[in-house]
Amino acid sequence: MKSAVDKYLARWAEPEHGIASRVAAQFSGAVVVPAVDETSELFAGLSSCGRAGALVILVVNARQDAPERVQRANAQLLGALPAAVRLSDDPPAWLTRRGELDVLVVDRSSPGFWVPSG
């Protein structure tokens, strides 16, 4: 029998909801940061909220109809976060480190992986 959480995830969750279970490391906590049209300066603000042992889950996202400048900014941000450990190809996701932060990057901005409209 499925739990209420399992039923909720089956109905409402995006496909990447299970990626975190592929992370071998243990963390004391996590913060999820949806990012659209951001630059790598985003990390200056994130470093103040990251605490030792915490994981930042950065979901870089855009819809297919997002303006070109948004797509460009997202691509630059993703390019500034090289993969250390690849976790998924659909959607692309990887672990990396940015300064003192452990970051799980989820790419929902590249062609074919856009966030659905609505």
Protein backbone atom coordinates (compact mmCIF):
# COMPACT_ATOMS: atom_id res chain seq x y z
CA MET A 1 0.00 0.00 0.00
CA LYS A 2 1.39 3.41 -1.01
CA SER A 3 1.90 6.07 1.62
CA ALA A 4 0.34 9.51 1.25
CA VAL A 5 3.76 10.89 0.29
CA ASP A 6 4.19 8.24 -2.42
CA LYS A 7 0.74 9.03 -3.82
CA TYR A 8 1.47 12.76 -3.80
CA LEU A 9 4.82 12.32 -5.56
CA ALA A 10 3.34 9.97 -8.16
CA ARG A 11 0.70 12.54 -9.06
CA TRP A 12 2.41 15.92 -8.65
CA ALA A 13 6.20 15.61 -8.54
CA GLU A 14 8.45 16.53 -11.44
CA PRO A 15 10.63 13.71 -12.81
CA GLU A 16 13.73 14.87 -10.93
CA HIS A 17 12.25 14.36 -7.47
CA GLY A 18 14.22 11.13 -7.00
CA ILE A 19 17.65 12.48 -7.96
CA ALA A 20 18.61 13.33 -4.39
CA SER A 21 18.34 9.65 -3.44
CA ARG A 22 21.35 9.02 -5.76
CA VAL A 23 23.62 11.22 -3.63
CA ALA A 24 25.95 9.00 -1.61
CA ALA A 25 27.01 11.69 0.88
CA GLN A 26 25.11 12.62 4.02
CA PHE A 27 24.12 16.23 4.71
CA SER A 28 22.81 17.94 7.83
CA GLY A 29 20.13 19.76 5.84
CA ALA A 30 19.23 21.13 2.45
CA VAL A 31 17.90 24.25 0.83
CA VAL A 32 16.23 24.25 -2.58
CA VAL A 33 16.87 27.33 -4.71
CA PRO A 34 14.92 27.82 -7.93
CA ALA A 35 17.03 29.99 -10.25
CA VAL A 36 16.01 31.72 -13.45
CA ASP A 37 17.89 34.58 -15.14
CA GLU A 38 20.60 34.57 -12.45
CA THR A 39 24.34 35.08 -12.69
CA SER A 40 27.07 33.30 -10.77
CA GLU A 41 26.85 36.18 -8.27
CA LEU A 42 23.92 34.21 -6.88
CA PHE A 43 26.52 32.30 -4.85
CA ALA A 44 27.53 35.36 -2.86
CA GLY A 45 24.07 35.37 -1.32
CA LEU A 46 23.86 31.60 -1.03
CA SER A 47 27.11 31.32 0.88
CA SER A 48 25.54 33.25 3.75
CA CYS A 49 22.63 30.79 4.02
CA GLY A 50 24.70 27.64 3.55
CA ARG A 51 25.91 26.09 6.73
CA ALA A 52 28.55 23.44 7.20
CA GLY A 53 27.26 20.07 6.07
CA ALA A 54 24.23 21.43 4.18
CA LEU A 55 23.39 20.78 0.54
CA VAL A 56 22.17 23.49 -1.82
CA ILE A 57 19.84 22.07 -4.47
CA LEU A 58 19.96 24.57 -7.32
CA VAL A 59 17.22 24.11 -9.92
CA VAL A 60 18.10 26.26 -12.92
CA ASN A 61 14.83 26.57 -14.79
CA ALA A 62 13.01 28.23 -17.64
CA ARG A 63 10.07 27.56 -19.92
CA GLN A 64 10.61 26.97 -23.62
CA ASP A 65 9.13 30.39 -24.39
CA ALA A 66 11.50 32.24 -22.02
CA PRO A 67 13.23 35.26 -23.58
CA GLU A 68 16.63 34.67 -25.19
CA ARG A 69 18.40 36.72 -22.48
CA VAL A 70 16.98 34.34 -19.82
CA GLN A 71 18.16 31.30 -21.77
CA ARG A 72 21.60 32.89 -22.17
CA ALA A 73 21.91 33.79 -18.47
CA ASN A 74 20.84 30.29 -17.44
CA ALA A 75 23.36 28.70 -19.82
CA GLN A 76 26.15 30.87 -18.37
CA LEU A 77 25.17 29.92 -14.83
CA LEU A 78 25.13 26.22 -15.72
CA GLY A 79 28.52 26.61 -17.40
CA ALA A 80 29.95 28.04 -14.18
CA LEU A 81 29.02 24.83 -12.34
CA PRO A 82 31.13 21.98 -13.74
CA ALA A 83 30.03 18.47 -12.85
CA ALA A 84 32.04 16.61 -10.22
CA VAL A 85 29.60 13.68 -9.98
CA ARG A 86 26.96 13.11 -12.67
CA LEU A 87 23.65 11.94 -11.16
CA SER A 88 21.17 12.03 -14.04
CA ASP A 89 20.86 12.68 -17.75
CA ASP A 90 17.08 13.16 -17.78
CA PRO A 91 17.04 15.88 -16.61
CA PRO A 92 20.75 16.62 -16.37
CA ALA A 93 21.83 16.77 -12.73
CA TRP A 94 25.19 16.72 -11.01
CA LEU A 95 26.99 17.43 -7.77
CA THR A 96 29.61 20.14 -7.61
CA ARG A 97 31.26 22.36 -5.08
CA ARG A 98 31.22 26.15 -5.18
CA GLY A 99 33.45 27.63 -2.49
CA GLU A 100 32.26 26.12 0.77
CA LEU A 101 28.94 24.99 -0.70
CA ASP A 102 28.01 21.50 -1.85
CA VAL A 103 25.61 22.04 -4.74
CA LEU A 104 23.30 19.61 -6.48
CA VAL A 105 22.53 21.23 -9.84
CA VAL A 106 19.35 20.31 -11.73
CA ASP A 107 19.13 21.61 -15.29
CA ARG A 108 15.53 22.40 -16.19
CA SER A 109 16.57 25.16 -18.59
CA SER A 110 18.30 23.43 -21.49
CA PRO A 111 16.37 22.47 -24.64
CA GLY A 112 14.27 19.37 -24.00
CA PHE A 113 14.32 19.82 -20.23
CA TRP A 114 12.32 23.04 -19.86
CA VAL A 115 9.82 23.47 -17.06
CA PRO A 116 6.33 22.89 -18.47
CA SER A 117 4.12 25.92 -19.00
CA GLY A 118 1.48 26.46 -16.35
